Amino acid sequence: MQYFLYVDESGDHGLSNINPNFPVFLLCGVIFNQETYEKLRIEFNELKTSIWKNKTVIFHSRDIRKCEKEFQVLFDLKLKKQFYEQLNTIISNSEYDIIASSIDKTKYIKKYGRLGNDVYELSLSFIIERAIFLLDDVKNETIQLNIVIEKRGKKEDKQLQEHFQRLLSRGTSYVDAKRLKAYNINIEFIDKKKNINGFQLADLVAYPIARYVMEPNRANPAYEVFKTKFYTKNGKRYGLKIFP
């Protein structure tokens, strides 16, 4: 059985300059099996075709919110209503789990300093760890986990690949190396400009989660659409790690 974990980010992972209005770095993963991902892919493409008459539009949270680029069509309020109703239905009804890691950079620096671990690598470790917890409950003898990450640059991708190899050889605090290797984990870096619907879902949910982490009591309609999708076990929500 193939599983796919698509990973996207919200916020800046750098520790040099912190935006006081957005001091959080959030890495968000959405995990599917092969069958549930294919269903989402088809439904996203049907929505794109119904609004734009083609499947090439790439859903990007910021452009949608600001009605920019292809999403200028959403200035038509009737079309906007149709788009959001269909999009929210797909996001709400599709079968997937969210595993996200949020790091408050101000608190992180106070505790670990600016030279602490790379927050992107740390967040990815948290997400992989919880993905293993989730897959442990899947009753299937052979599972391959495919992690799909946005390309950021040759240097950054090489650094992240090296971090991933260290995880495989050493394990994490809660998952040993043998347990990781049992899932035949593959990591792939793909240009976000490619029309990958798994990336697009991760992008759509990442920003509302970051806003929820920063202001949990503020109205957040987008978050309400998918808040039940976080990976949960025995009534405990493991799908959102807030650190430190």
C-alpha atoms as a PDB file:
ATOM      1  CA  MET A   1       0.000   0.000   0.000  1.00  0.00           C
ATOM      2  CA  GLN A   2       1.358   3.389  -1.017  1.00  0.00           C
ATOM      3  CA  TYR A   3       0.912   6.387   1.273  1.00  0.00           C
ATOM      4  CA  PHE A   4       1.709   9.955   0.285  1.00  0.00           C
ATOM      5  CA  LEU A   5       2.668  12.777   2.648  1.00  0.00           C
ATOM      6  CA  TYR A   6       2.634  16.184   0.949  1.00  0.00           C
ATOM      7  CA  VAL A   7       4.408  18.894   2.912  1.00  0.00           C
ATOM      8  CA  ASP A   8       4.095  22.682   2.649  1.00  0.00           C
ATOM      9  CA  GLU A   9       4.968  25.612   4.876  1.00  0.00           C
ATOM     10  CA  SER A  10       3.507  28.847   6.147  1.00  0.00           C
ATOM     11  CA  GLY A  11       5.746  31.585   7.480  1.00  0.00           C
ATOM     12  CA  ASP A  12       9.499  32.041   7.295  1.00  0.00           C
ATOM     13  CA  HIS A  13      11.775  29.389   8.827  1.00  0.00           C
ATOM     14  CA  GLY A  14      14.653  31.866   9.288  1.00  0.00           C
ATOM     15  CA  LEU A  15      15.606  33.032  12.785  1.00  0.00           C
ATOM     16  CA  SER A  16      17.429  36.262  11.857  1.00  0.00           C
ATOM     17  CA  ASN A  17      14.488  38.617  11.470  1.00  0.00           C
ATOM     18  CA  ILE A  18      11.152  37.782  13.052  1.00  0.00           C
ATOM     19  CA  ASN A  19       7.959  39.378  11.810  1.00  0.00           C
ATOM     20  CA  PRO A  20       6.071  40.364  15.002  1.00  0.00           C
ATOM     21  CA  ASN A  21       2.790  39.932  13.115  1.00  0.00           C
ATOM     22  CA  PHE A  22       3.690  36.379  12.073  1.00  0.00           C
ATOM     23  CA  PRO A  23       6.288  34.970  14.504  1.00  0.00           C
ATOM     24  CA  VAL A  24       5.353  31.357  13.771  1.00  0.00           C
ATOM     25  CA  PHE A  25       6.840  28.877  11.342  1.00  0.00           C
ATOM     26  CA  LEU A  26       4.391  26.145  10.447  1.00  0.00           C
ATOM     27  CA  LEU A  27       5.124  23.021   8.445  1.00  0.00           C
ATOM     28  CA  CYS A  28       2.021  21.163   7.334  1.00  0.00           C
ATOM     29  CA  GLY A  29       1.684  17.641   6.003  1.00  0.00           C
ATOM     30  CA  VAL A  30      -1.405  15.997   4.523  1.00  0.00           C
ATOM     31  CA  ILE A  31      -1.306  12.208   4.291  1.00  0.00           C
ATOM     32  CA  PHE A  32      -3.325   9.981   1.947  1.00  0.00           C
ATOM     33  CA  ASN A  33      -3.303   6.444   0.715  1.00  0.00           C
ATOM     34  CA  GLN A  34      -3.213   5.923  -3.048  1.00  0.00           C
ATOM     35  CA  GLU A  35      -6.978   5.561  -3.416  1.00  0.00           C
ATOM     36  CA  THR A  36      -7.993   8.578  -1.320  1.00  0.00           C
ATOM     37  CA  TYR A  37      -5.421  10.786  -3.039  1.00  0.00           C
ATOM     38  CA  GLU A  38      -6.692   9.851  -6.484  1.00  0.00           C
ATOM     39  CA  LYS A  39     -10.216  10.813  -5.413  1.00  0.00           C
ATOM     40  CA  LEU A  40      -9.043  14.246  -4.193  1.00  0.00           C
ATOM     41  CA  ARG A  41      -7.034  14.777  -7.383  1.00  0.00           C
ATOM     42  CA  ILE A  42     -10.093  14.084  -9.545  1.00  0.00           C
ATOM     43  CA  GLU A  43     -12.349  16.373  -7.486  1.00  0.00           C
ATOM     44  CA  PHE A  44      -9.847  19.257  -7.485  1.00  0.00           C
ATOM     45  CA  ASN A  45      -9.517  18.929 -11.272  1.00  0.00           C
ATOM     46  CA  GLU A  46     -13.292  18.889 -11.701  1.00  0.00           C
ATOM     47  CA  LEU A  47     -13.535  22.100  -9.665  1.00  0.00           C
ATOM     48  CA  LYS A  48     -10.814  23.771 -11.730  1.00  0.00           C
ATOM     49  CA  THR A  49     -12.550  22.740 -14.938  1.00  0.00           C
ATOM     50  CA  SER A  50     -15.923  24.020 -13.729  1.00  0.00           C
ATOM     51  CA  ILE A  51     -14.508  27.493 -12.958  1.00  0.00           C
ATOM     52  CA  TRP A  52     -11.591  27.933 -15.393  1.00  0.00           C
ATOM     53  CA  LYS A  53     -12.449  25.342 -18.082  1.00  0.00           C
ATOM     54  CA  ASN A  54      -9.049  23.678 -17.609  1.00  0.00           C
ATOM     55  CA  LYS A  55      -7.068  21.714 -14.989  1.00  0.00           C
ATOM     56  CA  THR A  56      -3.885  23.814 -15.097  1.00  0.00           C
ATOM     57  CA  VAL A  57      -4.789  26.357 -12.393  1.00  0.00           C
ATOM     58  CA  ILE A  58      -2.736  25.891  -9.234  1.00  0.00           C
ATOM     59  CA  PHE A  59      -4.579  26.563  -5.973  1.00  0.00           C
ATOM     60  CA  HIS A  60      -2.459  28.916  -3.889  1.00  0.00           C
ATOM     61  CA  SER A  61      -3.823  30.167  -0.585  1.00  0.00           C
ATOM     62  CA  ARG A  62      -2.450  33.709  -0.801  1.00  0.00           C
ATOM     63  CA  ASP A  63      -3.603  34.293  -4.380  1.00  0.00           C
ATOM     64  CA  ILE A  64      -7.071  32.985  -3.539  1.00  0.00           C
ATOM     65  CA  ARG A  65      -7.395  35.199  -0.438  1.00  0.00           C
ATOM     66  CA  LYS A  66      -6.295  38.299  -2.369  1.00  0.00           C
ATOM     67  CA  CYS A  67      -8.059  37.406  -5.645  1.00  0.00           C
ATOM     68  CA  GLU A  68      -4.796  37.696  -7.568  1.00  0.00           C
ATOM     69  CA  LYS A  69      -3.544  36.099 -10.801  1.00  0.00           C
ATOM     70  CA  GLU A  70      -6.030  33.458 -12.036  1.00  0.00           C
ATOM     71  CA  PHE A  71      -8.181  34.142  -8.999  1.00  0.00           C
ATOM     72  CA  GLN A  72      -9.155  37.639 -10.138  1.00  0.00           C
ATOM     73  CA  VAL A  73     -12.277  35.878 -11.457  1.00  0.00           C
ATOM     74  CA  LEU A  74     -13.364  35.642  -7.810  1.00  0.00           C
ATOM     75  CA  PHE A  75     -14.208  39.346  -7.857  1.00  0.00           C
ATOM     76  CA  ASP A  76     -17.404  37.994  -9.426  1.00  0.00           C
ATOM     77  CA  LEU A  77     -19.250  37.339  -6.169  1.00  0.00           C
ATOM     78  CA  LYS A  78     -21.539  34.688  -7.650  1.00  0.00           C
ATOM     79  CA  LEU A  79     -18.555  32.765  -8.999  1.00  0.00           C
ATOM     80  CA  LYS A  80     -16.694  33.278  -5.715  1.00  0.00           C
ATOM     81  CA  LYS A  81     -19.582  31.764  -3.762  1.00  0.00           C
ATOM     82  CA  GLN A  82     -19.699  28.766  -6.110  1.00  0.00           C
ATOM     83  CA  PHE A  83     -15.923  28.279  -5.867  1.00  0.00           C
ATOM     84  CA  TYR A  84     -15.760  28.389  -2.071  1.00  0.00           C
ATOM     85  CA  GLU A  85     -18.775  26.135  -1.625  1.00  0.00           C
ATOM     86  CA  GLN A  86     -17.268  23.483  -3.899  1.00  0.00           C
ATOM     87  CA  LEU A  87     -13.753  23.854  -2.486  1.00  0.00           C
ATOM     88  CA  ASN A  88     -14.923  23.654   1.123  1.00  0.00           C
ATOM     89  CA  THR A  89     -17.024  20.576   0.355  1.00  0.00           C
ATOM     90  CA  ILE A  90     -14.017  18.794  -1.151  1.00  0.00           C
ATOM     91  CA  ILE A  91     -11.706  19.751   1.725  1.00  0.00           C
ATOM     92  CA  SER A  92     -14.289  18.752   4.313  1.00  0.00           C
ATOM     93  CA  ASN A  93     -15.374  15.459   2.744  1.00  0.00           C
ATOM     94  CA  SER A  94     -12.083  14.083   1.400  1.00  0.00           C
ATOM     95  CA  GLU A  95     -10.257  11.357   3.320  1.00  0.00           C
ATOM     96  CA  TYR A  96      -6.849  12.483   4.592  1.00  0.00           C
ATOM     97  CA  ASP A  97      -5.088  13.305   7.837  1.00  0.00           C
ATOM     98  CA  ILE A  98      -3.325  16.530   8.740  1.00  0.00           C
ATOM     99  CA  ILE A  99      -0.022  16.412  10.612  1.00  0.00           C
ATOM    100  CA  ALA A 100       1.379  19.872  11.282  1.00  0.00           C
ATOM    101  CA  SER A 101       4.206  21.308  13.350  1.00  0.00           C
ATOM    102  CA  SER A 102       4.230  24.895  14.570  1.00  0.00           C
ATOM    103  CA  ILE A 103       7.266  26.611  16.056  1.00  0.00           C
ATOM    104  CA  ASP A 104       7.003  29.948  17.839  1.00  0.00           C
ATOM    105  CA  LYS A 105      10.331  31.421  16.772  1.00  0.00           C
ATOM    106  CA  THR A 106      10.491  33.998  19.564  1.00  0.00           C
ATOM    107  CA  LYS A 107      10.053  31.336  22.253  1.00  0.00           C
ATOM    108  CA  TYR A 108      12.405  29.009  20.391  1.00  0.00           C
ATOM    109  CA  ILE A 109      15.208  31.595  20.321  1.00  0.00           C
ATOM    110  CA  LYS A 110      14.765  32.367  24.022  1.00  0.00           C
ATOM    111  CA  LYS A 111      15.099  28.679  24.871  1.00  0.00           C
ATOM    112  CA  TYR A 112      17.645  27.434  22.313  1.00  0.00           C
ATOM    113  CA  GLY A 113      19.239  30.543  20.792  1.00  0.00           C
ATOM    114  CA  ARG A 114      19.455  31.581  17.178  1.00  0.00           C
ATOM    115  CA  LEU A 115      21.979  28.830  16.469  1.00  0.00           C
ATOM    116  CA  GLY A 116      19.626  26.049  17.544  1.00  0.00           C
ATOM    117  CA  ASN A 117      18.456  23.351  15.161  1.00  0.00           C
ATOM    118  CA  ASP A 118      17.061  24.353  11.780  1.00  0.00           C
ATOM    119  CA  VAL A 119      13.348  24.807  12.491  1.00  0.00           C
ATOM    120  CA  TYR A 120      12.365  23.336   9.118  1.00  0.00           C
ATOM    121  CA  GLU A 121      14.334  20.149   9.834  1.00  0.00           C
ATOM    122  CA  LEU A 122      12.956  19.987  13.368  1.00  0.00           C
ATOM    123  CA  SER A 123       9.393  20.387  12.119  1.00  0.00           C
ATOM    124  CA  LEU A 124       9.876  17.723   9.467  1.00  0.00           C
ATOM    125  CA  SER A 125      11.153  15.328  12.152  1.00  0.00           C
ATOM    126  CA  PHE A 126       8.002  15.939  14.217  1.00  0.00           C
ATOM    127  CA  ILE A 127       5.776  15.315  11.177  1.00  0.00           C
ATOM    128  CA  ILE A 128       7.544  12.106  10.109  1.00  0.00           C
ATOM    129  CA  GLU A 129       7.388  10.840  13.687  1.00  0.00           C
ATOM    130  CA  ARG A 130       3.635  11.308  13.861  1.00  0.00           C
ATOM    131  CA  ALA A 131       3.135   9.874  10.389  1.00  0.00           C
ATOM    132  CA  ILE A 132       4.737   6.687  11.691  1.00  0.00           C
ATOM    133  CA  PHE A 133       2.348   6.675  14.680  1.00  0.00           C
ATOM    134  CA  LEU A 134      -0.548   6.909  12.219  1.00  0.00           C
ATOM    135  CA  LEU A 135       0.754   4.180   9.906  1.00  0.00           C
ATOM    136  CA  ASP A 136       1.360   1.855  12.854  1.00  0.00           C
ATOM    137  CA  ASP A 137      -2.426   1.583  13.125  1.00  0.00           C
ATOM    138  CA  VAL A 138      -2.926   0.649   9.471  1.00  0.00           C
ATOM    139  CA  LYS A 139      -3.603  -3.067   9.145  1.00  0.00           C
ATOM    140  CA  ASN A 140      -1.455  -3.758   6.134  1.00  0.00           C
ATOM    141  CA  GLU A 141       1.688  -5.856   5.931  1.00  0.00           C
ATOM    142  CA  THR A 142       3.653  -3.729   3.470  1.00  0.00           C
ATOM    143  CA  ILE A 143       3.457   0.059   3.383  1.00  0.00           C
ATOM    144  CA  GLN A 144       5.609   2.539   1.531  1.00  0.00           C
ATOM    145  CA  LEU A 145       5.550   6.143   2.695  1.00  0.00           C
ATOM    146  CA  ASN A 146       6.354   8.691  -0.006  1.00  0.00           C
ATOM    147  CA  ILE A 147       7.179  12.140   1.362  1.00  0.00           C
ATOM    148  CA  VAL A 148       6.816  14.911  -1.206  1.00  0.00           C
ATOM    149  CA  ILE A 149       8.445  18.250  -0.375  1.00  0.00           C
ATOM    150  CA  GLU A 150       8.650  21.528  -2.246  1.00  0.00           C
ATOM    151  CA  LYS A 151      12.016  22.286  -3.828  1.00  0.00           C
ATOM    152  CA  ARG A 152      13.647  25.263  -2.127  1.00  0.00           C
ATOM    153  CA  GLY A 153      17.110  25.356  -3.701  1.00  0.00           C
ATOM    154  CA  LYS A 154      20.025  22.990  -4.279  1.00  0.00           C
ATOM    155  CA  LYS A 155      21.742  23.849  -0.995  1.00  0.00           C
ATOM    156  CA  GLU A 156      18.559  23.659   1.099  1.00  0.00           C
ATOM    157  CA  ASP A 157      17.374  20.451  -0.565  1.00  0.00           C
ATOM    158  CA  LYS A 158      20.777  18.810  -0.066  1.00  0.00           C
ATOM    159  CA  GLN A 159      20.774  19.840   3.596  1.00  0.00           C
ATOM    160  CA  LEU A 160      17.264  18.441   4.099  1.00  0.00           C
ATOM    161  CA  GLN A 161      18.130  15.215   2.294  1.00  0.00           C
ATOM    162  CA  GLU A 162      21.131  14.792   4.623  1.00  0.00           C
ATOM    163  CA  HIS A 163      18.883  15.423   7.632  1.00  0.00           C
ATOM    164  CA  PHE A 164      16.470  12.782   6.352  1.00  0.00           C
ATOM    165  CA  GLN A 165      19.282  10.248   5.952  1.00  0.00           C
ATOM    166  CA  ARG A 166      20.373  10.952   9.537  1.00  0.00           C
ATOM    167  CA  LEU A 167      16.824  10.281  10.701  1.00  0.00           C
ATOM    168  CA  LEU A 168      16.820   6.954   8.880  1.00  0.00           C
ATOM    169  CA  SER A 169      20.122   5.932  10.436  1.00  0.00           C
ATOM    170  CA  ARG A 170      19.508   7.204  13.988  1.00  0.00           C
ATOM    171  CA  GLY A 171      15.750   7.461  14.375  1.00  0.00           C
ATOM    172  CA  THR A 172      13.998  10.168  16.418  1.00  0.00           C
ATOM    173  CA  SER A 173      13.323  10.572  20.130  1.00  0.00           C
ATOM    174  CA  TYR A 174      10.212   8.381  19.858  1.00  0.00           C
ATOM    175  CA  VAL A 175      10.746   6.266  16.721  1.00  0.00           C
ATOM    176  CA  ASP A 176      13.873   4.186  16.281  1.00  0.00           C
ATOM    177  CA  ALA A 177      15.652   3.695  12.959  1.00  0.00           C
ATOM    178  CA  LYS A 178      14.378   0.148  12.466  1.00  0.00           C
ATOM    179  CA  ARG A 179      10.774   1.305  12.802  1.00  0.00           C
ATOM    180  CA  LEU A 180      11.362   4.111  10.287  1.00  0.00           C
ATOM    181  CA  LYS A 181      12.985   1.820   7.745  1.00  0.00           C
ATOM    182  CA  ALA A 182      10.082  -0.631   7.989  1.00  0.00           C
ATOM    183  CA  TYR A 183       7.970   1.865   6.046  1.00  0.00           C
ATOM    184  CA  ASN A 184      10.339   2.039   3.062  1.00  0.00           C
ATOM    185  CA  ILE A 185      10.284   5.829   3.280  1.00  0.00           C
ATOM    186  CA  ASN A 186      11.099   7.723   0.106  1.00  0.00           C
ATOM    187  CA  ILE A 187      11.593  11.496   0.003  1.00  0.00           C
ATOM    188  CA  GLU A 188      11.131  13.484  -3.175  1.00  0.00           C
ATOM    189  CA  PHE A 189      11.647  17.177  -3.920  1.00  0.00           C
ATOM    190  CA  ILE A 190       9.278  18.655  -6.520  1.00  0.00           C
ATOM    191  CA  ASP A 191       8.969  22.163  -7.930  1.00  0.00           C
ATOM    192  CA  LYS A 192       5.863  23.755  -6.459  1.00  0.00           C
ATOM    193  CA  LYS A 193       5.081  25.253  -9.857  1.00  0.00           C
ATOM    194  CA  LYS A 194       4.100  21.767 -10.976  1.00  0.00           C
ATOM    195  CA  ASN A 195       0.406  21.070 -10.701  1.00  0.00           C
ATOM    196  CA  ILE A 196       0.500  18.674  -7.718  1.00  0.00           C
ATOM    197  CA  ASN A 197      -2.880  18.647  -5.993  1.00  0.00           C
ATOM    198  CA  GLY A 198      -1.469  17.209  -2.755  1.00  0.00           C
ATOM    199  CA  PHE A 199       0.783  20.268  -2.418  1.00  0.00           C
ATOM    200  CA  GLN A 200      -2.170  22.506  -3.090  1.00  0.00           C
ATOM    201  CA  LEU A 201      -4.252  20.984  -0.307  1.00  0.00           C
ATOM    202  CA  ALA A 202      -1.302  21.306   2.114  1.00  0.00           C
ATOM    203  CA  ASP A 203      -0.942  24.963   1.091  1.00  0.00           C
ATOM    204  CA  LEU A 204      -4.657  25.650   1.544  1.00  0.00           C
ATOM    205  CA  VAL A 205      -4.757  24.309   5.102  1.00  0.00           C
ATOM    206  CA  ALA A 206      -1.328  25.524   6.305  1.00  0.00           C
ATOM    207  CA  TYR A 207      -2.123  29.250   6.600  1.00  0.00           C
ATOM    208  CA  PRO A 208      -5.403  28.833   8.543  1.00  0.00           C
ATOM    209  CA  ILE A 209      -3.613  26.473  10.951  1.00  0.00           C
ATOM    210  CA  ALA A 210      -0.866  29.047  11.520  1.00  0.00           C
ATOM    211  CA  ARG A 211      -3.498  31.715  12.186  1.00  0.00           C
ATOM    212  CA  TYR A 212      -5.253  29.371  14.616  1.00  0.00           C
ATOM    213  CA  VAL A 213      -1.997  28.748  16.496  1.00  0.00           C
ATOM    214  CA  MET A 214      -1.322  32.479  16.817  1.00  0.00           C
ATOM    215  CA  GLU A 215      -4.909  33.516  17.611  1.00  0.00           C
ATOM    216  CA  PRO A 216      -6.952  30.472  18.677  1.00  0.00           C
ATOM    217  CA  ASN A 217      -9.936  32.567  19.761  1.00  0.00           C
ATOM    218  CA  ARG A 218     -10.192  34.619  16.586  1.00  0.00           C
ATOM    219  CA  ALA A 219     -12.807  33.764  13.950  1.00  0.00           C
ATOM    220  CA  ASN A 220     -11.180  31.460  11.401  1.00  0.00           C
ATOM    221  CA  PRO A 221     -13.799  30.106   8.950  1.00  0.00           C
ATOM    222  CA  ALA A 222     -11.240  28.285   6.766  1.00  0.00           C
ATOM    223  CA  TYR A 223      -9.913  26.386   9.786  1.00  0.00           C
ATOM    224  CA  GLU A 224     -13.437  25.291  10.731  1.00  0.00           C
ATOM    225  CA  VAL A 225     -13.740  23.464   7.399  1.00  0.00           C
ATOM    226  CA  PHE A 226     -10.976  20.948   8.166  1.00  0.00           C
ATOM    227  CA  LYS A 227     -10.388  21.072  11.923  1.00  0.00           C
ATOM    228  CA  THR A 228     -11.614  17.466  12.325  1.00  0.00           C
ATOM    229  CA  LYS A 229      -8.921  16.224   9.908  1.00  0.00           C
ATOM    230  CA  PHE A 230      -5.998  16.379  12.344  1.00  0.00           C
ATOM    231  CA  TYR A 231      -4.555  12.964  13.118  1.00  0.00           C
ATOM    232  CA  THR A 232      -6.184  11.859  16.370  1.00  0.00           C
ATOM    233  CA  LYS A 233      -5.746   8.708  18.449  1.00  0.00           C
ATOM    234  CA  ASN A 234      -7.662   7.710  21.580  1.00  0.00           C
ATOM    235  CA  GLY A 235      -9.208  11.171  21.712  1.00  0.00           C
ATOM    236  CA  LYS A 236      -5.834  12.938  21.697  1.00  0.00           C
ATOM    237  CA  ARG A 237      -4.884  15.208  18.800  1.00  0.00           C
ATOM    238  CA  TYR A 238      -1.401  14.207  17.641  1.00  0.00           C
ATOM    239  CA  GLY A 239      -1.795  16.026  14.322  1.00  0.00           C
ATOM    240  CA  LEU A 240      -0.781  19.436  15.639  1.00  0.00           C
ATOM    241  CA  LYS A 241       2.564  19.787  17.390  1.00  0.00           C
ATOM    242  CA  ILE A 242       3.164  23.202  18.970  1.00  0.00           C
ATOM    243  CA  PHE A 243       6.765  23.796  19.985  1.00  0.00           C
ATOM    244  CA  PRO A 244       8.416  24.742  22.282  1.00  0.00           C
END
